[in-house]
Amino acid sequence: MKFIYFNDTGRKVNVHPATFSHGCKGLSDPIKPLEQRVFELPEGTFPWVKMWDYGEIGLSILVSPMVEAE
């Protein structure tokens, strides 16, 4: 499955390293304003997304694959 994030924040968004240790694939460089980024998730999962605002340091996004509970 692919998840596309579009950065409409007007600020640079860093990709949290745990995004990749949780099984997503994609680029790890910061996402520029008005740029979109594709994250590939393992089959049978959907994205859980969390964003933090660290003020002067910037924004950070975590994309984590989740499996629907039965």
C-alpha atoms as a PDB file:
ATOM      1  CA  MET A   1       0.000   0.000   0.000  1.00  0.00           C
ATOM      2  CA  LYS A   2       1.163   3.535  -0.695  1.00  0.00           C
ATOM      3  CA  PHE A   3       0.526   6.555   1.502  1.00  0.00           C
ATOM      4  CA  ILE A   4       1.121  10.008   0.050  1.00  0.00           C
ATOM      5  CA  TYR A   5       1.786  12.912   2.407  1.00  0.00           C
ATOM      6  CA  PHE A   6       1.484  16.445   1.011  1.00  0.00           C
ATOM      7  CA  ASN A   7       3.316  19.121   2.987  1.00  0.00           C
ATOM      8  CA  ASP A   8       0.983  22.116   3.085  1.00  0.00           C
ATOM      9  CA  THR A   9       2.408  23.460   6.364  1.00  0.00           C
ATOM     10  CA  GLY A  10       4.672  26.083   4.828  1.00  0.00           C
ATOM     11  CA  ARG A  11       7.533  24.581   6.866  1.00  0.00           C
ATOM     12  CA  LYS A  12      10.066  21.798   6.433  1.00  0.00           C
ATOM     13  CA  VAL A  13       8.842  18.435   7.833  1.00  0.00           C
ATOM     14  CA  ASN A  14      11.418  15.924   9.078  1.00  0.00           C
ATOM     15  CA  VAL A  15      10.640  12.215   8.817  1.00  0.00           C
ATOM     16  CA  HIS A  16      10.935  10.449  12.179  1.00  0.00           C
ATOM     17  CA  PRO A  17      13.486   7.573  11.992  1.00  0.00           C
ATOM     18  CA  ALA A  18      10.987   5.135  13.542  1.00  0.00           C
ATOM     19  CA  THR A  19       8.960   5.424  10.316  1.00  0.00           C
ATOM     20  CA  PHE A  20      11.494   3.118   8.692  1.00  0.00           C
ATOM     21  CA  SER A  21      12.107   0.816  11.651  1.00  0.00           C
ATOM     22  CA  HIS A  22       8.330   0.219  11.745  1.00  0.00           C
ATOM     23  CA  GLY A  23       8.421  -1.171   8.196  1.00  0.00           C
ATOM     24  CA  CYS A  24       7.739   1.774   5.861  1.00  0.00           C
ATOM     25  CA  LYS A  25       9.911   2.474   2.857  1.00  0.00           C
ATOM     26  CA  GLY A  26      10.613   5.861   1.311  1.00  0.00           C
ATOM     27  CA  LEU A  27      12.983   8.795   1.418  1.00  0.00           C
ATOM     28  CA  SER A  28      14.186  10.029   4.792  1.00  0.00           C
ATOM     29  CA  ASP A  29      15.242  13.549   3.783  1.00  0.00           C
ATOM     30  CA  PRO A  30      13.085  16.446   5.023  1.00  0.00           C
ATOM     31  CA  ILE A  31       9.875  17.159   3.110  1.00  0.00           C
ATOM     32  CA  LYS A  32       9.899  20.694   1.706  1.00  0.00           C
ATOM     33  CA  PRO A  33       6.812  22.934   1.670  1.00  0.00           C
ATOM     34  CA  LEU A  34       4.408  22.036  -1.169  1.00  0.00           C
ATOM     35  CA  GLU A  35       6.271  18.757  -1.753  1.00  0.00           C
ATOM     36  CA  GLN A  36       4.605  15.366  -1.582  1.00  0.00           C
ATOM     37  CA  ARG A  37       6.245  12.205  -0.274  1.00  0.00           C
ATOM     38  CA  VAL A  38       5.274   8.598  -0.981  1.00  0.00           C
ATOM     39  CA  PHE A  39       5.615   6.046   1.815  1.00  0.00           C
ATOM     40  CA  GLU A  40       5.281   2.363   0.944  1.00  0.00           C
ATOM     41  CA  LEU A  41       3.673   0.273   3.675  1.00  0.00           C
ATOM     42  CA  PRO A  42       3.693  -3.514   4.028  1.00  0.00           C
ATOM     43  CA  GLU A  43       0.772  -5.337   2.388  1.00  0.00           C
ATOM     44  CA  GLY A  44      -2.336  -5.621   4.537  1.00  0.00           C
ATOM     45  CA  THR A  45      -1.604  -2.482   6.577  1.00  0.00           C
ATOM     46  CA  PHE A  46      -2.855   1.099   6.714  1.00  0.00           C
ATOM     47  CA  PRO A  47      -0.992   4.243   7.844  1.00  0.00           C
ATOM     48  CA  TRP A  48      -1.143   5.645  11.355  1.00  0.00           C
ATOM     49  CA  VAL A  49       0.290   9.182  11.219  1.00  0.00           C
ATOM     50  CA  LYS A  50       1.489  11.487  13.996  1.00  0.00           C
ATOM     51  CA  MET A  51       3.097  14.920  13.667  1.00  0.00           C
ATOM     52  CA  TRP A  52       5.033  16.874  16.292  1.00  0.00           C
ATOM     53  CA  ASP A  53       5.925  20.547  16.331  1.00  0.00           C
ATOM     54  CA  TYR A  54       9.306  21.089  17.964  1.00  0.00           C
ATOM     55  CA  GLY A  55       9.145  24.875  17.526  1.00  0.00           C
ATOM     56  CA  GLU A  56      12.479  26.226  16.295  1.00  0.00           C
ATOM     57  CA  ILE A  57      13.733  22.712  15.454  1.00  0.00           C
ATOM     58  CA  GLY A  58      10.786  22.139  13.104  1.00  0.00           C
ATOM     59  CA  LEU A  59       8.042  19.652  12.413  1.00  0.00           C
ATOM     60  CA  SER A  60       8.450  15.875  12.462  1.00  0.00           C
ATOM     61  CA  ILE A  61       6.148  13.202  11.037  1.00  0.00           C
ATOM     62  CA  LEU A  62       5.879   9.526  11.964  1.00  0.00           C
ATOM     63  CA  VAL A  63       4.171   7.089   9.603  1.00  0.00           C
ATOM     64  CA  SER A  64       3.568   3.680  11.135  1.00  0.00           C
ATOM     65  CA  PRO A  65       1.881   0.686   9.458  1.00  0.00           C
ATOM     66  CA  MET A  66      -1.064  -0.714  11.402  1.00  0.00           C
ATOM     67  CA  VAL A  67      -3.082  -3.896  10.983  1.00  0.00           C
ATOM     68  CA  GLU A  68      -6.844  -3.701  11.442  1.00  0.00           C
ATOM     69  CA  ALA A  69      -7.925  -5.453  14.629  1.00  0.00           C
ATOM     70  CA  GLU A  70     -10.394  -8.277  14.152  1.00  0.00           C
END
